[in-house]
């Protein structure tokens, strides 16, 4: 069972918040995950505005 997560703007990406950090990732199969971004909130905003 996976923890509760939220989608990034109705895409196949998910966002988790861990303290002040954001993790953006996709789940391809039950046990395959690829991370696209890990960083602080301000870094996340900059990354997001670039069109992820």
Protein backbone atom coordinates (compact mmCIF):
# COMPACT_ATOMS: atom_id res chain seq x y z
CA UNK A 1 0.00 0.00 0.00
CA UNK A 2 1.34 3.46 -0.95
CA UNK A 3 0.99 6.50 1.30
CA UNK A 4 -1.58 9.11 0.30
CA UNK A 5 -0.22 11.41 -2.41
CA UNK A 6 -1.43 14.24 -4.60
CA UNK A 7 -1.17 14.70 -8.35
CA UNK A 8 0.74 17.60 -9.86
CA UNK A 9 -1.78 19.57 -11.92
CA UNK A 10 -3.74 16.51 -13.13
CA UNK A 11 -0.64 14.90 -14.62
CA UNK A 12 1.00 11.54 -14.04
CA UNK A 13 3.41 13.20 -11.58
CA UNK A 14 2.95 13.11 -7.83
CA UNK A 15 4.10 15.60 -5.18
CA UNK A 16 4.95 14.79 -1.57
CA UNK A 17 5.96 17.27 1.09
CA UNK A 18 8.63 16.21 3.56
CA UNK A 19 9.25 19.00 6.01
CA UNK A 20 10.28 22.02 3.94
CA UNK A 21 11.14 19.87 0.90
CA UNK A 22 9.11 18.81 -2.13
CA UNK A 23 9.53 15.51 -3.99
CA UNK A 24 8.13 15.14 -7.50
CA UNK A 25 8.00 11.64 -8.93
CA UNK A 26 6.16 9.17 -11.16
CA UNK A 27 5.23 5.57 -10.44
CA UNK A 28 5.71 3.34 -13.47
CA UNK A 29 4.95 -0.04 -11.96
CA UNK A 30 4.16 -1.28 -8.50
CA UNK A 31 7.81 -0.99 -7.48
CA UNK A 32 9.41 1.41 -10.01
CA UNK A 33 9.60 5.09 -9.14
CA UNK A 34 11.49 7.88 -10.92
CA UNK A 35 12.22 11.13 -9.10
CA UNK A 36 12.19 14.34 -11.15
CA UNK A 37 12.72 16.94 -8.46
CA UNK A 38 13.86 17.06 -4.83
CA UNK A 39 14.40 20.43 -3.18
CA UNK A 40 13.16 23.21 -0.93
CA UNK A 41 9.90 25.02 -1.56
CA UNK A 42 11.48 28.03 -3.32
CA UNK A 43 13.48 25.71 -5.60
CA UNK A 44 10.27 23.81 -6.32
CA UNK A 45 8.45 27.01 -7.31
CA UNK A 46 11.28 27.93 -9.71
CA UNK A 47 11.30 24.41 -11.20
CA UNK A 48 7.51 24.42 -11.54
CA UNK A 49 7.43 27.79 -13.30
CA UNK A 50 9.94 26.50 -15.88
CA UNK A 51 7.28 24.05 -17.03
CA UNK A 52 8.47 20.91 -15.27
